[in-house]
Amino acid sequence: MLLVILLAVLLVVVVWLVLYFKNVWSYWQKRGVEVLPVTFPYGHAKSYMTQKKSLHVMYEDFYNDHKMKNLKYGGFYFSTTPVLIITDLDLIRRVLVKDFASFTDRPMYVNEEADPLSGITFNLKGQRWRNVRVKVSETYTSDNMRMMFETFEKHTNKLGELMAQCIRDKRPVDIKDIFARFTMDTIGTAGFGVECNGLSQQDSEFRKYAMKAFQRDLFGVLKDALMRICPGLMFRLKATLIPKDVSDFFIKLVGDVATYRETNKVTKKDLIQLLIELRNRGRNVPGESEMTINEMAAHAFGFFNAGFDTASTALTFCFFELSRNPLAQETLRAEIREVLKKNDSKITYNAIMQMPYLDQCISEALRMYPPGGLLVRQCTQTYRLPGTNLTVEKGTQIRIPLLGVHYDPEYYPEPYKFDPERFSPENKAARPSCAWMPFGEGPRNCLGMRFGLMQVKVAVVAMLNQFRFTLNERTKLPITFDPKSLSLKSEHDIFLNVEKC
C-alpha cells in the first residue's frame, strides 16, 4: 500500500513538473517570438550551467543564430526565466538610450541586509539607484582622475621591476597573473587607501579576499543561476553571492580606514577620502542622509570591481594582441616615445591624453574582449518594441550579447583580426552607434570607465616604453573563455616573452 502511495505521489510530481515546464516554456511562443529547442531543466542555458561554455559565448551563439535568420530579437529561457535577446542595433539603442525610461533597472540580486556588498551602484534599482548614482558620480570627475594618477604611475615602477626580473631569469611573463596583481595594487591604494603589495608578495591578505570575491565554483554558478531564476525566493532565504568573510573583510577595512582618518585628521588623494567627504556632507546638509559604513564599503567594492577585474582583463588581452601583432606594437611604441619626448620623458596625465593610437589599440582590444561581455536590463514598464508586434511586459529581462555585436562582420569586417585602424576618427564616424559598447551605453553606462581606462593606458605606456613583447609557446591557442567567470576572462594563463628595447 505504501509503495502504491509513493508511486502515486511521484506520478503527480512528474505530471506537475511536465505541465509547469511546458507552461513556462510556452511564454515566447504565445507572443509570436521565435525560440530554439530547449533542454530540461536548463532551458537554453545548459552550456553555461554545466560549465561547458562561458555565459558570454552562450549568448554570442544565440546572437549569431538569430542574426543569420535576419531576426531582430529572439526568445531565450534561462531555465524557467524568459529572457528577450536583442540583436538589432536600432532596438538596442532604444533600450539603452532613447527609451531608457522603460528599462532603467538591471535584474541583479540585491540584499543589502544579508549581502551588504551586493548594494553596489551597478546593482541598485529605481530611485535608490538614481540617488546613489548622482552621489557616487562625483568621485569619478576628471579632477579626481588627475588626483589619483600618481598612484597608477607609482605602481608601474614595480611592474617594470618584475618584467626586468623575468628577463634576468630568462622566463616568460604570466601576464594574466601579473596584471591582476598590478591592478589590485592600484585599486588598493586609490580605492581603499592601503598598500596591498600584490606585485611584491602574492599571499597578501587583501589579495586573498579580493580573489575570493571573484571565484566561482560549480556551486557558485548554480547559486548565481538561482538568483536570476527566482530572486524573490533567494532574497527570503537571505542568500549571498559574495562570501561572508569577504564582506566582513572589506567592511572592516573601510570602517577602520574611515575611523582612523576622521580621528587623526588625516586626508589622502583616494576614493575612500571622497566617500568620507560625502558621508560628512550627509551629516551636515539638511535633507541628505548620512552614508553608512556598509554603504561606503559597497561603493568602494564597486569601484574595486570596476577597476580591478575589468582593467586586469583589458590589460591581459591588449598585451596578448600586441604581442601577436608586432607592427601595431612598434607603431604604438613610436607614438609613446614621441609624446614622452615632448613631455620631459615623464608619463603624465596630459601626455597620456596626447596618444590617439594608444586609444585605438585599447579600443580594438576592448572590442575583441569586452570585460563585461553582456549587457543586461529589465523592463520597468510595459513597452511596445518599435516596428514590431511585440509588447514587452514589465519585469521582462533583456540581454544584449556584446560578443555577438563586437564580432559581427556587418560592423567589423574580418572581426577576428586585431586592427586598431577600425578606431581611427573616420572609421568610428562611419559605424552606427551602439556597435562598440564595452562600458555599456546610455544613463547606466559604467561609472568607472575613465578610471579603468586610465589604469590600462598608464600600464601600456610604461611597459612599451621599456620592453618588447612576443607570444610565448606555452600560451594555449586559440584563447578560450573561463566558463566559471561572470566576466570575460581567459580560461588559461597567457605567457609572453619580454625583452628590453
Protein backbone atom coordinates (compact mmCIF):
# COMPACT_ATOMS: atom_id res chain seq x y z
CA MET A 1 0.00 0.00 0.00
CA LEU A 2 2.81 2.41 0.93
CA LEU A 3 4.57 1.68 -2.35
CA VAL A 4 1.39 2.47 -4.29
CA ILE A 5 1.04 5.79 -2.44
CA LEU A 6 4.67 6.69 -3.12
CA LEU A 7 4.30 5.84 -6.80
CA ALA A 8 1.11 7.92 -6.98
CA VAL A 9 2.85 10.89 -5.34
CA LEU A 10 5.81 10.51 -7.69
CA LEU A 11 3.47 10.41 -10.69
CA VAL A 12 1.69 13.58 -9.51
CA VAL A 13 5.04 15.37 -9.07
CA VAL A 14 6.24 14.29 -12.52
CA VAL A 15 2.97 15.36 -14.16
CA TRP A 16 3.10 18.69 -12.32
CA LEU A 17 6.70 19.28 -13.42
CA VAL A 18 5.88 18.43 -17.03
CA LEU A 19 2.89 20.80 -17.05
CA TYR A 20 4.85 23.51 -15.24
CA PHE A 21 7.81 23.46 -17.62
CA LYS A 22 5.52 23.15 -20.64
CA ASN A 23 3.67 26.25 -19.49
CA VAL A 24 6.74 28.41 -18.74
CA TRP A 25 8.43 27.30 -21.96
CA SER A 26 5.45 28.45 -24.00
CA TYR A 27 5.83 32.09 -22.91
CA TRP A 28 7.58 33.35 -26.06
CA GLN A 29 5.67 31.13 -28.48
CA LYS A 30 2.40 32.64 -27.23
CA ARG A 31 3.81 36.06 -28.17
CA GLY A 32 4.95 35.03 -31.61
CA VAL A 33 8.66 35.12 -30.78
CA GLU A 34 10.95 32.53 -32.35
CA VAL A 35 12.52 30.10 -29.87
CA LEU A 36 15.16 27.40 -30.28
CA PRO A 37 14.60 23.89 -28.82
CA VAL A 38 15.01 23.72 -25.03
CA THR A 39 16.70 21.18 -22.76
CA PHE A 40 15.19 20.08 -19.45
CA PRO A 41 15.68 21.65 -16.90
CA TYR A 42 18.14 24.22 -18.28
CA GLY A 43 16.04 25.83 -20.98
CA HIS A 44 18.69 27.29 -23.30
CA ALA A 45 21.34 27.73 -20.57
CA LYS A 46 22.71 24.18 -20.37
CA SER A 47 26.17 25.04 -21.74
CA TYR A 48 26.66 27.71 -19.06
CA MET A 49 25.03 25.94 -16.12
CA THR A 50 27.11 22.81 -16.75
CA GLN A 51 30.24 24.97 -17.21
CA LYS A 52 30.82 23.92 -20.81
CA LYS A 53 30.76 27.49 -22.12
CA SER A 54 31.20 30.98 -20.80
CA LEU A 55 27.96 32.91 -20.23
CA HIS A 56 29.07 35.40 -22.88
CA VAL A 57 29.85 32.78 -25.54
CA MET A 58 26.48 31.13 -24.90
CA TYR A 59 24.69 34.40 -25.70
CA GLU A 60 27.02 35.09 -28.63
CA ASP A 61 25.97 31.77 -30.19
CA PHE A 62 22.34 32.81 -29.82
CA TYR A 63 23.06 36.21 -31.40
CA ASN A 64 24.78 34.61 -34.40
CA ASP A 65 21.95 32.13 -34.96
CA HIS A 66 19.29 34.84 -34.98
CA LYS A 67 21.37 37.30 -37.00
CA MET A 68 21.79 34.68 -39.73
CA LYS A 69 18.00 34.40 -39.84
CA ASN A 70 17.66 38.23 -40.07
CA LEU A 71 15.77 38.28 -36.77
CA LYS A 72 15.93 41.45 -34.68
CA TYR A 73 15.30 39.63 -31.41
CA GLY A 74 14.60 36.18 -30.03
CA GLY A 75 13.20 34.39 -27.01
CA PHE A 76 15.53 32.66 -24.58
CA TYR A 77 14.84 30.63 -21.44
CA PHE A 78 17.37 30.80 -18.62
CA SER A 79 15.97 27.62 -17.12
CA THR A 80 12.41 28.80 -16.41
CA THR A 81 13.05 32.54 -16.74
CA PRO A 82 12.02 34.06 -20.10
CA VAL A 83 14.65 36.46 -21.47
CA LEU A 84 14.44 38.67 -24.56
CA ILE A 85 17.70 38.83 -26.52
CA ILE A 86 18.04 41.77 -28.91
CA THR A 87 20.30 41.61 -31.96
CA ASP A 88 19.24 44.77 -33.86
CA LEU A 89 21.31 47.91 -33.18
CA ASP A 90 18.35 50.28 -33.58
CA LEU A 91 16.38 48.34 -30.96
CA ILE A 92 19.47 48.10 -28.75
CA ARG A 93 19.81 51.88 -28.86
CA ARG A 94 16.12 52.20 -27.98
CA VAL A 95 16.54 50.06 -24.89
CA LEU A 96 19.81 51.59 -23.67
CA VAL A 97 19.38 55.24 -24.63
CA LYS A 98 16.31 56.61 -26.37
CA ASP A 99 13.64 54.76 -24.38
CA PHE A 100 15.75 54.24 -21.28
CA ALA A 101 12.83 55.28 -19.05
CA SER A 102 11.26 51.87 -19.75
CA PHE A 103 14.48 49.94 -18.99
CA THR A 104 16.06 51.72 -16.03
CA ASP A 105 16.93 48.65 -13.94
CA ARG A 106 19.21 45.65 -14.11
CA PRO A 107 17.77 42.30 -12.98
CA MET A 108 20.54 41.88 -10.41
CA TYR A 109 20.20 40.29 -6.99
CA VAL A 110 20.39 42.85 -4.18
CA ASN A 111 20.02 42.10 -0.48
CA GLU A 112 21.88 44.80 1.42
CA GLU A 113 20.99 43.30 4.81
CA ALA A 114 22.27 39.77 4.17
CA ASP A 115 24.82 40.63 1.47
CA PRO A 116 25.98 44.25 2.07
CA LEU A 117 28.38 44.33 -0.89
CA SER A 118 25.52 43.50 -3.25
CA GLY A 119 24.47 47.15 -2.80
CA ILE A 120 26.97 48.43 -5.37
CA THR A 121 25.67 51.13 -7.71
CA PHE A 122 25.74 48.66 -10.62
CA ASN A 123 23.05 46.50 -8.94
CA LEU A 124 20.71 49.11 -7.46
CA LYS A 125 17.25 49.80 -8.87
CA GLY A 126 14.74 52.62 -9.24
CA GLN A 127 15.00 55.86 -7.32
CA ARG A 128 17.63 54.44 -4.99
CA TRP A 129 19.90 53.87 -7.99
CA ARG A 130 19.31 57.43 -9.21
CA ASN A 131 20.09 58.96 -5.81
CA VAL A 132 23.24 56.89 -5.30
CA ARG A 133 24.47 57.36 -8.88
CA VAL A 134 24.35 61.15 -8.52
CA LYS A 135 26.42 60.99 -5.33
CA VAL A 136 28.95 58.40 -6.45
CA SER A 137 29.48 60.00 -9.87
CA GLU A 138 31.14 62.91 -8.03
CA THR A 139 34.08 60.61 -7.27
CA TYR A 140 34.78 59.96 -10.98
CA THR A 141 35.40 63.52 -12.20
CA SER A 142 38.41 64.47 -14.34
CA ASP A 143 39.95 66.33 -11.40
CA ASN A 144 39.75 63.21 -9.23
CA MET A 145 41.24 61.10 -12.03
CA ARG A 146 44.18 63.51 -12.17
CA MET A 147 44.45 63.33 -8.40
CA MET A 148 44.76 59.54 -8.46
CA PHE A 149 47.08 59.46 -11.48
CA GLU A 150 50.28 59.44 -9.42
CA THR A 151 49.09 56.20 -7.78
CA PHE A 152 48.98 54.44 -11.14
CA GLU A 153 52.37 55.78 -12.22
CA LYS A 154 54.00 54.73 -8.94
CA HIS A 155 52.92 51.11 -9.29
CA THR A 156 54.21 50.85 -12.87
CA ASN A 157 57.72 51.10 -11.41
CA LYS A 158 57.17 47.83 -9.53
CA LEU A 159 55.62 46.35 -12.65
CA GLY A 160 58.74 47.25 -14.61
CA GLU A 161 60.94 45.64 -11.95
CA LEU A 162 59.05 42.36 -12.32
CA MET A 163 59.45 42.47 -16.10
CA ALA A 164 63.18 43.08 -15.69
CA GLN A 165 63.40 40.16 -13.27
CA CYS A 166 61.77 37.87 -15.84
CA ILE A 167 64.42 38.95 -18.36
CA ARG A 168 67.22 38.16 -15.91
CA ASP A 169 65.66 34.78 -15.08
CA LYS A 170 65.09 34.04 -18.79
CA ARG A 171 61.48 33.08 -18.19
CA PRO A 172 58.20 34.22 -19.79
CA VAL A 173 55.75 36.56 -18.08
CA ASP A 174 52.37 35.24 -16.95
CA ILE A 175 50.52 38.43 -17.85
CA LYS A 176 47.14 37.25 -16.59
CA ASP A 177 48.63 36.94 -13.11
CA ILE A 178 50.94 39.94 -13.15
CA PHE A 179 48.33 42.41 -14.42
CA ALA A 180 45.83 41.14 -11.85
CA ARG A 181 48.41 41.92 -9.17
CA PHE A 182 49.15 45.34 -10.68
CA THR A 183 45.52 46.43 -10.86
CA MET A 184 44.92 45.09 -7.37
CA ASP A 185 47.74 47.26 -6.05
CA THR A 186 46.47 50.39 -7.80
CA ILE A 187 42.90 49.79 -6.64
CA GLY A 188 44.01 49.02 -3.09
CA THR A 189 45.85 52.34 -2.90
CA ALA A 190 43.49 54.53 -4.94
CA GLY A 191 40.27 52.93 -3.70
CA PHE A 192 40.92 51.83 -0.13
CA GLY A 193 43.99 53.80 0.90
CA VAL A 194 46.03 50.69 1.69
CA GLU A 195 49.20 49.16 0.29
CA CYS A 196 48.33 45.68 -0.98
CA ASN A 197 51.85 44.67 -2.08
CA GLY A 198 50.41 42.31 -4.68
CA LEU A 199 53.37 42.85 -7.01
CA SER A 200 55.93 42.14 -4.29
CA GLN A 201 54.10 39.31 -2.50
CA GLN A 202 51.36 37.02 -3.75
CA ASP A 203 49.90 35.99 -0.40
CA SER A 204 48.77 39.37 0.96
CA GLU A 205 45.50 39.41 2.90
CA PHE A 206 43.93 41.95 0.55
CA ARG A 207 44.76 39.77 -2.47
CA LYS A 208 43.40 36.68 -0.72
CA TYR A 209 39.95 38.18 -0.13
CA ALA A 210 39.88 40.12 -3.40
CA MET A 211 40.49 37.00 -5.44
CA LYS A 212 37.93 35.06 -3.42
CA ALA A 213 35.30 37.66 -4.30
CA PHE A 214 35.56 36.74 -7.98
CA GLN A 215 35.99 32.97 -7.72
CA ARG A 216 33.09 30.78 -8.88
CA ASP A 217 32.92 27.01 -8.44
CA LEU A 218 30.02 24.91 -9.71
CA PHE A 219 28.02 25.73 -6.57
CA GLY A 220 28.62 29.44 -7.13
CA VAL A 221 27.45 29.17 -10.76
CA LEU A 222 24.28 27.35 -9.68
CA LYS A 223 23.62 29.89 -6.93
CA ASP A 224 24.07 32.72 -9.43
CA ALA A 225 21.61 30.96 -11.74
CA LEU A 226 19.04 30.63 -8.93
CA MET A 227 19.39 34.34 -8.15
CA ARG A 228 18.45 35.04 -11.77
CA ILE A 229 15.64 32.46 -11.91
CA CYS A 230 13.95 33.04 -8.53
CA PRO A 231 15.40 36.21 -6.91
CA GLY A 232 12.40 36.59 -4.56
CA LEU A 233 12.95 33.16 -3.01
CA MET A 234 16.70 33.73 -2.71
CA PHE A 235 16.01 37.08 -1.03
CA ARG A 236 13.74 35.44 1.55
CA LEU A 237 16.40 32.77 2.14
CA LYS A 238 18.94 35.60 2.67
CA ALA A 239 21.25 34.08 0.09
CA THR A 240 24.61 35.75 -0.54
CA LEU A 241 26.67 35.88 -3.72
CA ILE A 242 29.70 37.44 -2.00
CA PRO A 243 31.08 35.12 0.73
CA LYS A 244 30.52 36.46 4.25
CA ASP A 245 34.21 36.51 5.16
CA VAL A 246 34.90 38.62 2.06
CA SER A 247 32.14 41.08 3.01
CA ASP A 248 33.37 41.24 6.59
CA PHE A 249 36.94 41.93 5.42
CA PHE A 250 36.03 44.83 3.13
CA ILE A 251 33.53 46.38 5.56
CA LYS A 252 36.07 46.26 8.39
CA LEU A 253 38.79 47.66 6.13
CA VAL A 254 36.66 50.64 5.07
CA GLY A 255 35.44 51.21 8.64
CA ASP A 256 38.98 51.13 10.08
CA VAL A 257 40.38 53.49 7.44
CA ALA A 258 37.48 55.96 7.81
CA THR A 259 37.68 55.94 11.62
CA TYR A 260 41.46 56.41 11.63
CA ARG A 261 41.35 59.34 9.23
CA GLU A 262 38.49 61.10 10.96
CA THR A 263 40.05 60.59 14.39
CA ASN A 264 43.54 61.69 13.36
CA LYS A 265 42.51 64.38 10.83
CA VAL A 266 44.32 62.54 8.03
CA THR A 267 43.46 63.17 4.37
CA LYS A 268 44.74 61.42 1.24
CA LYS A 269 44.13 61.54 -2.51
CA ASP A 270 41.97 58.44 -2.93
CA LEU A 271 38.40 57.22 -3.24
CA ILE A 272 37.91 56.45 0.42
CA GLN A 273 38.64 60.12 1.21
CA LEU A 274 35.98 61.20 -1.28
CA LEU A 275 33.49 58.80 0.33
CA ILE A 276 34.33 60.18 3.78
CA GLU A 277 33.62 63.67 2.48
CA LEU A 278 30.28 62.50 1.04
CA ARG A 279 29.46 60.91 4.39
CA ASN A 280 30.27 64.12 6.25
CA ARG A 281 28.15 66.14 3.86
CA GLY A 282 25.25 63.81 4.56
CA ARG A 283 25.68 64.52 8.27
CA ASN A 284 25.68 68.27 7.84
CA VAL A 285 23.40 69.05 4.88
CA PRO A 286 19.66 69.10 5.66
CA GLY A 287 17.68 66.64 3.55
CA GLU A 288 20.65 64.36 2.82
CA SER A 289 21.05 61.02 4.55
CA GLU A 290 24.33 60.00 6.15
CA MET A 291 26.17 57.27 4.27
CA THR A 292 26.71 54.18 6.45
CA ILE A 293 29.96 52.23 6.62
CA ASN A 294 28.23 49.34 4.82
CA GLU A 295 27.20 51.69 2.00
CA MET A 296 30.70 53.14 1.82
CA ALA A 297 32.13 49.61 1.65
CA ALA A 298 29.68 48.69 -1.14
CA HIS A 299 30.68 51.75 -3.19
CA ALA A 300 34.38 51.08 -2.60
CA PHE A 301 33.84 47.45 -3.60
CA GLY A 302 32.02 48.58 -6.76
CA PHE A 303 35.00 50.83 -7.52
CA PHE A 304 37.28 47.86 -6.91
CA ASN A 305 35.16 45.66 -9.16
CA ALA A 306 35.24 48.21 -12.00
CA GLY A 307 38.94 48.93 -11.64
CA PHE A 308 40.36 45.51 -10.86
CA ASP A 309 38.51 42.87 -12.82
CA THR A 310 37.84 44.89 -15.97
CA ALA A 311 41.23 46.63 -16.08
CA SER A 312 43.27 43.47 -15.49
CA THR A 313 41.28 41.67 -18.20
CA ALA A 314 41.67 44.57 -20.64
CA LEU A 315 45.42 44.74 -20.00
CA THR A 316 45.87 41.00 -20.42
CA PHE A 317 44.13 40.85 -23.78
CA CYS A 318 45.64 44.11 -25.03
CA PHE A 319 49.18 42.81 -24.48
CA PHE A 320 48.20 39.41 -25.87
CA GLU A 321 47.11 41.00 -29.16
CA LEU A 322 50.05 43.45 -29.30
CA SER A 323 52.44 40.51 -28.83
CA ARG A 324 50.87 38.81 -31.87
CA ASN A 325 50.89 41.98 -33.95
CA PRO A 326 54.42 43.42 -33.94
CA LEU A 327 53.61 46.19 -36.44
CA ALA A 328 50.87 47.58 -34.19
CA GLN A 329 53.17 47.24 -31.17
CA GLU A 330 56.01 49.14 -32.88
CA THR A 331 53.65 51.84 -34.16
CA LEU A 332 52.32 52.36 -30.65
CA ARG A 333 55.80 52.35 -29.14
CA ALA A 334 56.91 55.05 -31.60
CA GLU A 335 53.91 57.22 -30.62
CA ILE A 336 54.63 56.73 -26.92
CA ARG A 337 58.27 57.75 -27.24
CA GLU A 338 57.48 60.73 -29.43
CA VAL A 339 54.91 62.09 -26.98
CA LEU A 340 57.04 61.42 -23.90
CA LYS A 341 59.97 63.19 -25.55
CA LYS A 342 57.80 66.33 -25.71
CA ASN A 343 56.89 65.91 -22.02
CA ASP A 344 60.38 65.68 -20.46
CA SER A 345 60.25 61.86 -20.74
CA LYS A 346 57.63 61.79 -17.97
CA ILE A 347 54.40 59.81 -18.00
CA THR A 348 51.80 62.40 -17.08
CA TYR A 349 48.04 62.71 -17.35
CA ASN A 350 48.38 65.27 -20.15
CA ALA A 351 50.91 63.12 -22.03
CA ILE A 352 48.54 60.13 -21.96
CA MET A 353 45.81 62.31 -23.45
CA GLN A 354 48.04 63.08 -26.46
CA MET A 355 48.26 59.47 -27.72
CA PRO A 356 45.50 58.71 -30.27
CA TYR A 357 46.96 55.40 -31.45
CA LEU A 358 47.03 54.24 -27.83
CA ASP A 359 43.28 54.87 -27.73
CA GLN A 360 42.83 52.93 -30.95
CA CYS A 361 44.77 49.88 -29.72
CA ILE A 362 42.91 49.73 -26.41
CA SER A 363 39.55 50.29 -28.10
CA GLU A 364 40.23 47.41 -30.50
CA ALA A 365 41.28 45.13 -27.62
CA LEU A 366 38.06 46.05 -25.81
CA ARG A 367 36.08 45.29 -28.95
CA MET A 368 37.53 41.80 -29.18
CA TYR A 369 37.45 41.15 -25.43
CA PRO A 370 34.82 43.34 -23.70
CA PRO A 371 35.30 42.55 -19.97
CA GLY A 372 31.56 42.56 -19.27
CA GLY A 373 30.73 40.60 -22.42
CA LEU A 374 26.99 41.11 -21.88
CA LEU A 375 24.59 43.98 -21.16
CA VAL A 376 21.52 43.29 -19.04
CA ARG A 377 18.40 45.36 -18.44
CA GLN A 378 14.94 44.83 -17.03
CA CYS A 379 11.73 46.28 -18.43
CA THR A 380 10.26 48.60 -15.80
CA GLN A 381 7.01 49.44 -17.61
CA THR A 382 5.07 47.79 -20.42
CA TYR A 383 6.76 48.65 -23.72
CA ARG A 384 5.95 48.07 -27.38
CA LEU A 385 9.08 47.35 -29.43
CA PRO A 386 9.03 49.88 -32.29
CA GLY A 387 8.40 48.40 -35.72
CA THR A 388 7.27 45.05 -34.27
CA ASN A 389 4.14 43.40 -32.92
CA LEU A 390 5.81 42.51 -29.63
CA THR A 391 4.77 44.08 -26.35
CA VAL A 392 7.43 43.60 -23.66
CA GLU A 393 5.85 43.07 -20.26
CA LYS A 394 7.06 44.81 -17.11
CA GLY A 395 9.67 42.67 -15.37
CA THR A 396 10.96 41.03 -18.57
CA GLN A 397 14.73 40.57 -18.61
CA ILE A 398 16.68 41.89 -21.61
CA ARG A 399 20.08 40.62 -22.78
CA ILE A 400 22.39 42.29 -25.31
CA PRO A 401 25.29 39.99 -26.28
CA LEU A 402 28.35 42.23 -26.65
CA LEU A 403 30.47 39.48 -28.16
CA GLY A 404 27.86 39.00 -30.86
CA VAL A 405 27.75 42.72 -31.69
CA HIS A 406 31.53 43.22 -31.48
CA TYR A 407 32.27 40.27 -33.77
CA ASP A 408 29.51 40.99 -36.26
CA PRO A 409 31.14 41.23 -39.74
CA GLU A 410 28.44 43.73 -40.73
CA TYR A 411 30.15 46.27 -38.48
CA TYR A 412 33.67 44.83 -38.31
CA PRO A 413 34.95 43.02 -41.44
CA GLU A 414 37.36 40.22 -40.52
CA PRO A 415 36.23 40.52 -36.89
CA TYR A 416 38.85 38.10 -35.51
CA LYS A 417 41.68 40.26 -36.80
CA PHE A 418 43.26 42.80 -34.41
CA ASP A 419 43.12 46.08 -36.33
CA PRO A 420 43.45 49.37 -34.38
CA GLU A 421 42.63 51.31 -37.58
CA ARG A 422 38.99 50.36 -37.01
CA PHE A 423 39.01 53.13 -34.40
CA SER A 424 40.52 55.90 -36.47
CA PRO A 425 38.28 59.01 -36.37
CA GLU A 426 36.99 58.32 -39.90
CA ASN A 427 36.14 54.66 -39.27
CA LYS A 428 34.49 55.41 -35.94
CA ALA A 429 32.31 58.06 -37.56
CA ALA A 430 31.23 55.62 -40.30
CA ARG A 431 29.93 52.98 -37.84
CA PRO A 432 26.44 53.06 -36.32
CA SER A 433 26.09 53.96 -32.68
CA CYS A 434 25.99 51.07 -30.21
CA ALA A 435 28.32 48.96 -32.37
CA TRP A 436 31.01 49.34 -29.65
CA MET A 437 29.84 49.15 -26.03
CA PRO A 438 32.49 47.63 -23.70
CA PHE A 439 31.34 50.03 -20.97
CA GLY A 440 27.65 49.90 -21.80
CA GLU A 441 25.70 52.81 -23.23
CA GLY A 442 23.20 55.38 -22.01
CA PRO A 443 22.47 56.57 -18.45
CA ARG A 444 23.55 53.22 -16.92
CA ASN A 445 26.94 53.04 -18.59
CA CYS A 446 29.97 52.15 -16.46
CA LEU A 447 30.76 54.80 -13.83
CA GLY A 448 34.38 53.67 -13.56
CA MET A 449 35.09 53.81 -17.29
CA ARG A 450 37.60 56.66 -17.15
CA PHE A 451 39.32 55.25 -14.10
CA GLY A 452 39.68 51.80 -15.66
CA LEU A 453 40.93 53.22 -18.97
CA MET A 454 43.49 55.38 -17.20
CA GLN A 455 44.87 52.35 -15.35
CA VAL A 456 45.22 50.46 -18.62
CA LYS A 457 46.78 53.35 -20.51
CA VAL A 458 49.40 54.08 -17.86
CA ALA A 459 50.50 50.43 -17.73
CA VAL A 460 50.65 50.10 -21.54
CA VAL A 461 52.69 53.28 -21.91
CA ALA A 462 55.10 52.42 -19.10
CA MET A 463 55.73 48.87 -20.31
CA LEU A 464 56.02 49.53 -24.07
CA ASN A 465 58.38 52.42 -23.41
CA GLN A 466 60.82 49.94 -21.84
CA PHE A 467 60.03 46.45 -23.14
CA ARG A 468 59.11 44.50 -26.24
CA PHE A 469 56.67 41.58 -26.04
CA THR A 470 56.17 38.43 -28.12
CA LEU A 471 53.90 35.43 -27.65
CA ASN A 472 55.42 32.50 -25.76
CA GLU A 473 54.82 28.94 -26.94
CA ARG A 474 53.35 27.97 -23.55
CA THR A 475 50.24 30.02 -24.33
CA LYS A 476 47.35 27.76 -25.39
CA LEU A 477 45.74 28.81 -28.65
CA PRO A 478 43.07 29.55 -29.57
CA ILE A 479 42.10 31.53 -26.47
CA THR A 480 39.07 30.11 -24.66
CA PHE A 481 37.00 31.92 -22.05
CA ASP A 482 36.60 30.77 -18.46
CA PRO A 483 33.09 29.24 -18.08
CA LYS A 484 33.15 29.86 -14.32
CA SER A 485 33.75 33.62 -14.56
CA LEU A 486 30.97 36.20 -14.68
CA SER A 487 33.33 38.48 -16.61
CA LEU A 488 35.16 37.66 -19.82
CA LYS A 489 38.46 36.04 -18.83
CA SER A 490 40.92 33.69 -20.45
CA GLU A 491 40.43 30.15 -19.23
CA HIS A 492 44.18 29.51 -19.22
CA ASP A 493 47.28 31.54 -18.40
CA ILE A 494 48.79 33.72 -21.12
CA PHE A 495 52.59 33.75 -21.34
CA LEU A 496 54.65 36.38 -23.16
CA ASN A 497 58.35 36.71 -23.83
CA VAL A 498 59.75 40.06 -22.72
CA GLU A 499 62.95 41.82 -23.73
CA LYS A 500 64.44 45.24 -23.11
CA CYS A 501 64.10 47.65 -26.02
